[in-house]
């Protein structure tokens, strides 16, 4: 199965699951007896779930965090180093002349 087809099927499944959950919560909000059958503490004052939020008119506006979108810095391309220059350094032996300092225990 192509990757885009699997992605589409996953999106449809996620959409159906979210829609089903929301419709289920709306049905429970209309029927308090059914809500009590699912949640034993549904009649307590400190009980919080999606059904009680829907029954109370939604969540307060200060409950959601404020998201700030920061633009990303501009990405600049790095200069391309020619491989010939590195090859010429190896050919001349310039890179072979360097090594660790003597006396550090490197053999």
Protein backbone atom coordinates (compact mmCIF):
# COMPACT_ATOMS: atom_id res chain seq x y z
CA UNK A 1 0.00 0.00 0.00
CA UNK A 2 1.45 3.43 -0.85
CA UNK A 3 2.56 5.62 2.01
CA UNK A 4 0.13 8.42 1.13
CA UNK A 5 -2.78 5.97 1.22
CA UNK A 6 -1.82 4.75 4.70
CA UNK A 7 -1.49 8.37 5.85
CA UNK A 8 -4.96 9.14 4.48
CA UNK A 9 -6.47 6.11 6.23
CA UNK A 10 -4.86 7.13 9.54
CA UNK A 11 -6.25 10.66 9.17
CA UNK A 12 -9.75 9.30 8.53
CA UNK A 13 -9.51 6.99 11.56
CA UNK A 14 -8.33 9.86 13.78
CA UNK A 15 -11.13 12.11 12.52
CA UNK A 16 -13.78 9.46 13.17
CA UNK A 17 -12.39 8.80 16.67
CA UNK A 18 -12.38 12.49 17.62
CA UNK A 19 -15.83 13.05 16.15
CA UNK A 20 -17.17 9.95 17.93
CA UNK A 21 -15.71 11.10 21.24
CA UNK A 22 -17.24 14.54 20.89
CA UNK A 23 -20.65 13.14 19.95
CA UNK A 24 -20.46 10.74 22.89
CA UNK A 25 -19.65 13.61 25.24
CA UNK A 26 -22.59 15.61 23.87
CA UNK A 27 -24.91 12.65 24.43
CA UNK A 28 -23.65 12.30 28.01
CA UNK A 29 -24.11 16.05 28.56
CA UNK A 30 -27.78 15.77 27.56
CA UNK A 31 -28.40 12.72 29.77
CA UNK A 32 -27.22 13.21 33.39
CA UNK A 33 -28.34 9.68 34.34
CA UNK A 34 -26.16 8.16 31.63
CA UNK A 35 -23.28 10.39 32.77
CA UNK A 36 -23.73 9.10 36.35
CA UNK A 37 -23.69 5.53 35.03
CA UNK A 38 -20.25 6.13 33.51
CA UNK A 39 -18.80 8.36 36.27
CA UNK A 40 -19.81 7.42 39.82
CA UNK A 41 -18.79 10.87 41.10
CA UNK A 42 -20.60 12.83 38.39
CA UNK A 43 -22.81 14.61 40.94
CA UNK A 44 -19.86 15.89 43.04
CA UNK A 45 -18.92 19.53 42.74
CA UNK A 46 -15.24 18.87 42.10
CA UNK A 47 -15.85 16.36 39.27
CA UNK A 48 -14.25 17.52 36.01
CA UNK A 49 -14.52 15.87 32.63
CA UNK A 50 -15.47 16.92 29.11
CA UNK A 51 -19.16 16.39 29.87
CA UNK A 52 -19.13 18.79 32.85
CA UNK A 53 -17.16 21.34 30.82
CA UNK A 54 -19.79 21.16 28.06
CA UNK A 55 -22.63 21.42 30.61
CA UNK A 56 -21.04 24.52 32.18
CA UNK A 57 -20.75 26.32 28.86
CA UNK A 58 -17.19 25.49 27.88
CA UNK A 59 -13.81 26.12 29.43
CA UNK A 60 -12.83 29.56 30.70
CA UNK A 61 -10.70 31.57 28.28
CA UNK A 62 -7.81 31.91 30.74
CA UNK A 63 -7.49 28.11 31.07
CA UNK A 64 -5.83 27.71 27.67
CA UNK A 65 -2.14 28.65 27.42
CA UNK A 66 -1.19 31.43 25.05
CA UNK A 67 0.97 30.16 22.23
CA UNK A 68 3.53 32.45 20.66
CA UNK A 69 4.87 31.74 17.20
CA UNK A 70 8.46 32.86 16.76
CA UNK A 71 9.78 33.07 13.20
CA UNK A 72 12.79 30.90 12.50
CA UNK A 73 16.03 32.60 11.56
CA UNK A 74 16.97 32.63 7.92
CA UNK A 75 19.10 29.67 6.95
CA UNK A 76 22.04 30.54 4.77
CA UNK A 77 23.89 28.08 2.64
CA UNK A 78 27.42 27.23 3.71
CA UNK A 79 30.14 27.78 1.15
CA UNK A 80 31.10 24.66 -0.73
CA UNK A 81 34.73 23.66 -0.24
CA UNK A 82 36.39 22.08 -3.20
CA UNK A 83 37.63 18.56 -2.58
CA UNK A 84 40.66 19.28 -4.75
CA UNK A 85 42.09 21.61 -2.11
CA UNK A 86 41.98 18.88 0.54
CA UNK A 87 43.50 16.38 -1.88
CA UNK A 88 46.30 18.75 -2.69
CA UNK A 89 47.07 19.23 1.02
CA UNK A 90 47.27 15.46 1.46
CA UNK A 91 49.43 15.10 -1.65
CA UNK A 92 51.88 17.74 -0.42
CA UNK A 93 52.07 16.10 3.00
CA UNK A 94 50.96 19.18 4.90
CA UNK A 95 48.38 17.32 6.92
CA UNK A 96 50.79 14.49 7.78
CA UNK A 97 53.21 16.86 9.51
CA UNK A 98 50.81 17.55 12.38
CA UNK A 99 50.28 15.24 15.32
CA UNK A 100 49.76 15.23 19.07
CA UNK A 101 52.37 16.95 21.19
CA UNK A 102 55.15 14.74 22.52
CA UNK A 103 54.90 13.65 26.15
CA UNK A 104 51.15 13.00 26.37
CA UNK A 105 51.48 9.24 26.30
CA UNK A 106 50.42 8.77 22.70
CA UNK A 107 52.52 6.08 21.04
